[in-house]
């Protein structure tokens, strides 16, 4: 796997990792859509209303990693399409293997 393009996407922090994501709202289906501009692109069917899209984004990440939804939180970008997520209790390697391997 070529990680040179993903070096800025995942960053080790105390207790887990930070993950840069870019969401595309009101898509025809929910799916991971590659890496663009140093962020994992996630297409969501949810509108940006009442935190619905943010919750769906965190849920998709948690499901793909096989962890509890509560271990994924948005630490920056609650009201923007570019977000920084904190994922607790996982390694950088796990995130790269489960989320980025197929997207690069």
N, C-alpha and C. Protein backbone atom coordinates (compact mmCIF):
# COMPACT_ATOMS: atom_id res chain seq x y z
N UNK A 1 0.84 -1.18 0.00
CA UNK A 1 0.00 0.00 0.00
C UNK A 1 0.88 1.23 0.00
N UNK A 2 0.57 2.19 -0.80
CA UNK A 2 1.30 3.45 -0.84
C UNK A 2 0.72 4.39 0.21
N UNK A 3 1.48 4.68 1.25
CA UNK A 3 0.97 5.53 2.31
C UNK A 3 1.40 6.98 2.18
N UNK A 4 2.20 7.32 1.19
CA UNK A 4 2.68 8.69 1.07
C UNK A 4 1.54 9.68 0.93
N UNK A 5 0.48 9.32 0.21
CA UNK A 5 -0.66 10.21 0.07
C UNK A 5 -1.56 10.22 1.28
N UNK A 6 -1.39 9.27 2.19
CA UNK A 6 -2.27 9.19 3.35
C UNK A 6 -1.60 9.65 4.63
N UNK A 7 -0.36 10.15 4.54
CA UNK A 7 0.35 10.56 5.75
C UNK A 7 -0.37 11.66 6.51
N UNK A 8 -1.06 12.55 5.81
CA UNK A 8 -1.75 13.65 6.47
C UNK A 8 -3.17 13.29 6.87
N UNK A 9 -3.64 12.14 6.46
CA UNK A 9 -5.02 11.75 6.74
C UNK A 9 -5.18 11.18 8.14
N UNK A 10 -4.22 10.38 8.57
CA UNK A 10 -4.27 9.73 9.88
C UNK A 10 -3.10 10.23 10.71
N UNK A 11 -3.41 10.63 11.95
CA UNK A 11 -2.36 11.13 12.84
C UNK A 11 -2.55 10.51 14.21
N UNK A 12 -1.45 10.05 14.80
CA UNK A 12 -1.49 9.44 16.13
C UNK A 12 -1.66 10.54 17.18
N UNK A 13 -2.60 10.33 18.09
CA UNK A 13 -2.79 11.23 19.22
C UNK A 13 -2.90 10.38 20.48
N UNK A 14 -2.92 11.02 21.63
CA UNK A 14 -3.03 10.31 22.89
C UNK A 14 -4.36 9.54 22.95
N UNK A 15 -4.29 8.24 23.08
CA UNK A 15 -5.49 7.42 23.22
C UNK A 15 -6.11 6.94 21.92
N UNK A 16 -5.49 7.26 20.79
CA UNK A 16 -6.06 6.81 19.52
C UNK A 16 -5.46 7.53 18.34
N UNK A 17 -6.32 7.88 17.38
CA UNK A 17 -5.86 8.57 16.18
C UNK A 17 -6.85 9.66 15.78
N UNK A 18 -6.34 10.61 14.99
CA UNK A 18 -7.19 11.59 14.33
C UNK A 18 -7.29 11.19 12.87
N UNK A 19 -8.47 11.34 12.30
CA UNK A 19 -8.70 11.00 10.90
C UNK A 19 -9.35 12.19 10.21
N UNK A 20 -8.77 12.62 9.09
CA UNK A 20 -9.35 13.71 8.30
C UNK A 20 -10.36 13.11 7.32
N UNK A 21 -11.57 13.65 7.33
CA UNK A 21 -12.60 13.19 6.41
C UNK A 21 -13.24 14.38 5.71
N UNK A 22 -13.76 14.14 4.53
CA UNK A 22 -14.52 15.13 3.78
C UNK A 22 -15.83 14.46 3.40
N UNK A 23 -16.94 15.05 3.83
CA UNK A 23 -18.24 14.44 3.55
C UNK A 23 -18.90 15.10 2.34
N UNK A 24 -19.60 14.28 1.59
CA UNK A 24 -20.42 14.74 0.47
C UNK A 24 -21.86 14.42 0.88
N UNK A 25 -22.66 15.45 1.04
CA UNK A 25 -24.02 15.27 1.54
C UNK A 25 -25.03 15.04 0.41
N UNK A 26 -26.14 14.46 0.80
CA UNK A 26 -27.26 14.19 -0.11
C UNK A 26 -26.85 13.38 -1.34
N UNK A 27 -26.00 12.39 -1.13
CA UNK A 27 -25.60 11.49 -2.21
C UNK A 27 -26.69 10.44 -2.41
N UNK A 28 -26.60 9.70 -3.49
CA UNK A 28 -27.61 8.67 -3.75
C UNK A 28 -27.45 7.47 -2.82
N UNK A 29 -26.23 7.27 -2.27
CA UNK A 29 -26.03 6.18 -1.31
C UNK A 29 -24.86 6.53 -0.39
N UNK A 30 -24.82 5.85 0.75
CA UNK A 30 -23.73 6.03 1.71
C UNK A 30 -22.58 5.11 1.33
N UNK A 31 -21.39 5.69 1.17
CA UNK A 31 -20.23 4.88 0.81
C UNK A 31 -18.94 5.66 1.00
N UNK A 32 -17.85 4.92 1.14
CA UNK A 32 -16.53 5.52 1.14
C UNK A 32 -16.16 5.76 -0.32
N UNK A 33 -15.55 6.90 -0.58
CA UNK A 33 -15.34 7.29 -1.97
C UNK A 33 -13.91 7.75 -2.25
N UNK A 34 -12.94 7.04 -1.70
CA UNK A 34 -11.55 7.36 -1.99
C UNK A 34 -10.96 8.43 -1.11
N UNK A 35 -9.76 8.84 -1.47
CA UNK A 35 -9.05 9.89 -0.75
C UNK A 35 -8.89 11.08 -1.68
N UNK A 36 -9.31 12.25 -1.21
CA UNK A 36 -9.24 13.47 -1.99
C UNK A 36 -8.78 14.60 -1.09
N UNK A 37 -7.80 15.36 -1.55
CA UNK A 37 -7.30 16.52 -0.79
C UNK A 37 -6.94 16.17 0.65
N UNK A 38 -6.18 15.11 0.82
CA UNK A 38 -5.70 14.69 2.14
C UNK A 38 -6.82 14.39 3.13
N UNK A 39 -7.91 13.82 2.65
CA UNK A 39 -9.01 13.42 3.52
C UNK A 39 -9.73 12.21 2.92
N UNK A 40 -10.22 11.34 3.79
CA UNK A 40 -11.04 10.22 3.35
C UNK A 40 -12.41 10.77 2.98
N UNK A 41 -12.83 10.55 1.76
CA UNK A 41 -14.11 11.08 1.28
C UNK A 41 -15.22 10.08 1.59
N UNK A 42 -16.29 10.60 2.20
CA UNK A 42 -17.43 9.77 2.57
C UNK A 42 -18.69 10.39 1.99
N UNK A 43 -19.41 9.62 1.19
CA UNK A 43 -20.68 10.08 0.64
C UNK A 43 -21.80 9.66 1.59
N UNK A 44 -22.68 10.61 1.90
CA UNK A 44 -23.79 10.35 2.81
C UNK A 44 -25.11 10.75 2.17
N UNK A 45 -26.15 9.98 2.45
CA UNK A 45 -27.48 10.34 1.97
C UNK A 45 -28.13 11.38 2.89
N UNK A 46 -27.61 11.51 4.08
CA UNK A 46 -28.19 12.39 5.10
C UNK A 46 -28.02 13.86 4.74
N UNK A 47 -29.03 14.67 5.09
CA UNK A 47 -28.88 16.12 4.93
C UNK A 47 -28.15 16.68 6.16
N UNK A 48 -27.63 17.90 6.06
CA UNK A 48 -26.94 18.49 7.21
C UNK A 48 -27.91 19.12 8.20
N UNK A 49 -28.84 18.32 8.69
CA UNK A 49 -29.88 18.82 9.58
C UNK A 49 -29.81 18.07 10.91
N UNK A 50 -29.87 18.84 12.00
CA UNK A 50 -29.91 18.28 13.35
C UNK A 50 -28.84 17.22 13.60
N UNK A 51 -27.64 17.46 13.11
CA UNK A 51 -26.49 16.58 13.37
C UNK A 51 -26.61 15.20 12.72
N UNK A 52 -27.60 15.01 11.88
CA UNK A 52 -27.85 13.69 11.27
C UNK A 52 -26.67 13.20 10.43
N UNK A 53 -26.10 14.08 9.62
CA UNK A 53 -24.97 13.68 8.77
C UNK A 53 -23.73 13.37 9.61
N UNK A 54 -23.49 14.15 10.65
CA UNK A 54 -22.34 13.89 11.53
C UNK A 54 -22.46 12.53 12.20
N UNK A 55 -23.64 12.20 12.68
CA UNK A 55 -23.86 10.91 13.33
C UNK A 55 -23.66 9.76 12.35
N UNK A 56 -24.16 9.92 11.13
CA UNK A 56 -24.01 8.88 10.12
C UNK A 56 -22.54 8.69 9.75
N UNK A 57 -21.80 9.78 9.64
CA UNK A 57 -20.37 9.72 9.33
C UNK A 57 -19.63 8.91 10.40
N UNK A 58 -19.87 9.23 11.66
CA UNK A 58 -19.21 8.52 12.77
C UNK A 58 -19.63 7.06 12.81
N UNK A 59 -20.89 6.79 12.54
CA UNK A 59 -21.40 5.42 12.54
C UNK A 59 -20.73 4.59 11.44
N UNK A 60 -20.60 5.15 10.25
CA UNK A 60 -19.95 4.43 9.15
C UNK A 60 -18.50 4.09 9.47
N UNK A 61 -17.78 5.04 10.05
CA UNK A 61 -16.38 4.80 10.43
C UNK A 61 -16.31 3.70 11.48
N UNK A 62 -17.17 3.78 12.50
CA UNK A 62 -17.17 2.77 13.57
C UNK A 62 -17.48 1.38 13.02
N UNK A 63 -18.47 1.28 12.15
CA UNK A 63 -18.83 -0.02 11.58
C UNK A 63 -17.69 -0.60 10.76
N UNK A 64 -17.05 0.22 9.96
CA UNK A 64 -15.94 -0.26 9.12
C UNK A 64 -14.77 -0.74 9.97
N UNK A 65 -14.54 -0.08 11.12
CA UNK A 65 -13.45 -0.47 12.01
C UNK A 65 -13.85 -1.59 12.98
N UNK A 66 -15.15 -1.86 13.09
CA UNK A 66 -15.63 -2.89 14.00
C UNK A 66 -15.54 -2.47 15.46
N UNK A 67 -15.81 -1.19 15.73
CA UNK A 67 -15.75 -0.67 17.10
C UNK A 67 -17.08 -0.02 17.45
N UNK A 68 -17.25 0.31 18.72
CA UNK A 68 -18.47 0.97 19.18
C UNK A 68 -18.54 2.39 18.63
N UNK A 69 -19.72 2.83 18.29
CA UNK A 69 -19.96 4.17 17.74
C UNK A 69 -19.45 5.25 18.70
N UNK A 70 -19.52 5.01 19.99
CA UNK A 70 -19.09 5.99 20.99
C UNK A 70 -17.60 6.26 21.00
N UNK A 71 -16.82 5.44 20.33
CA UNK A 71 -15.37 5.64 20.27
C UNK A 71 -14.95 6.55 19.12
N UNK A 72 -15.93 7.01 18.34
CA UNK A 72 -15.65 7.92 17.22
C UNK A 72 -16.37 9.24 17.49
N UNK A 73 -15.61 10.33 17.48
CA UNK A 73 -16.22 11.64 17.71
C UNK A 73 -15.59 12.69 16.80
N UNK A 74 -16.34 13.74 16.56
CA UNK A 74 -15.85 14.85 15.74
C UNK A 74 -15.20 15.86 16.66
N UNK A 75 -13.92 16.15 16.42
CA UNK A 75 -13.25 17.13 17.27
C UNK A 75 -13.09 18.48 16.57
N UNK A 76 -13.22 18.51 15.25
CA UNK A 76 -13.21 19.75 14.48
C UNK A 76 -14.09 19.58 13.25
N UNK A 77 -14.87 20.61 12.96
CA UNK A 77 -15.65 20.59 11.73
C UNK A 77 -17.09 20.14 11.88
N UNK A 78 -17.69 20.36 13.05
CA UNK A 78 -19.09 19.96 13.25
C UNK A 78 -20.04 20.57 12.22
N UNK A 79 -19.72 21.77 11.75
CA UNK A 79 -20.63 22.44 10.83
C UNK A 79 -20.05 22.61 9.43
N UNK A 80 -18.95 21.91 9.15
CA UNK A 80 -18.35 22.00 7.82
C UNK A 80 -18.25 20.61 7.19
N UNK A 81 -17.94 20.57 5.92
CA UNK A 81 -17.82 19.28 5.24
C UNK A 81 -16.49 18.60 5.52
N UNK A 82 -15.45 19.37 5.81
CA UNK A 82 -14.16 18.80 6.21
C UNK A 82 -14.16 18.66 7.72
N UNK A 83 -13.85 17.46 8.18
CA UNK A 83 -13.92 17.17 9.61
C UNK A 83 -12.66 16.44 10.06
N UNK A 84 -12.36 16.59 11.34
CA UNK A 84 -11.31 15.80 11.97
C UNK A 84 -12.01 14.95 13.03
N UNK A 85 -11.88 13.63 12.89
CA UNK A 85 -12.50 12.70 13.82
C UNK A 85 -11.45 12.17 14.78
N UNK A 86 -11.85 11.96 16.02
CA UNK A 86 -11.01 11.26 16.98
C UNK A 86 -11.56 9.84 17.09
N UNK A 87 -10.68 8.87 16.92
CA UNK A 87 -11.07 7.47 17.04
C UNK A 87 -10.26 6.89 18.18
N UNK A 88 -10.94 6.52 19.25
CA UNK A 88 -10.27 6.06 20.47
C UNK A 88 -10.00 4.56 20.44
N UNK A 89 -8.84 4.19 20.98
CA UNK A 89 -8.53 2.79 21.20
C UNK A 89 -8.17 2.00 19.96
N UNK A 90 -7.78 2.67 18.89
CA UNK A 90 -7.32 1.97 17.69
C UNK A 90 -5.94 2.49 17.31
N UNK A 91 -5.21 1.70 16.57
CA UNK A 91 -3.89 2.11 16.13
C UNK A 91 -3.97 2.75 14.75
N UNK A 92 -2.93 3.48 14.42
CA UNK A 92 -2.83 4.08 13.09
C UNK A 92 -2.86 2.98 12.03
N UNK A 93 -2.19 1.89 12.32
CA UNK A 93 -2.14 0.77 11.37
C UNK A 93 -3.53 0.20 11.10
N UNK A 94 -4.32 0.01 12.16
CA UNK A 94 -5.69 -0.51 11.98
C UNK A 94 -6.51 0.40 11.07
N UNK A 95 -6.42 1.70 11.31
CA UNK A 95 -7.18 2.66 10.51
C UNK A 95 -6.73 2.61 9.06
N UNK A 96 -5.43 2.59 8.84
CA UNK A 96 -4.92 2.54 7.47
C UNK A 96 -5.36 1.25 6.76
N UNK A 97 -5.29 0.12 7.47
CA UNK A 97 -5.66 -1.16 6.85
C UNK A 97 -7.15 -1.27 6.57
N UNK A 98 -7.98 -0.85 7.52
CA UNK A 98 -9.42 -1.06 7.38
C UNK A 98 -10.14 0.05 6.62
N UNK A 99 -9.61 1.28 6.68
CA UNK A 99 -10.30 2.39 6.03
C UNK A 99 -9.63 2.88 4.76
N UNK A 100 -8.31 2.86 4.73
CA UNK A 100 -7.62 3.51 3.62
C UNK A 100 -7.06 2.57 2.57
N UNK A 101 -6.84 1.32 2.91
CA UNK A 101 -6.18 0.40 1.99
C UNK A 101 -6.88 0.33 0.64
N UNK A 102 -8.18 0.22 0.63
CA UNK A 102 -8.92 0.11 -0.63
C UNK A 102 -9.16 1.47 -1.28
N UNK A 103 -8.93 2.55 -0.54
CA UNK A 103 -9.28 3.88 -1.04
C UNK A 103 -8.12 4.59 -1.72
N UNK A 104 -6.89 4.11 -1.51
CA UNK A 104 -5.73 4.79 -2.12
C UNK A 104 -5.48 4.29 -3.52
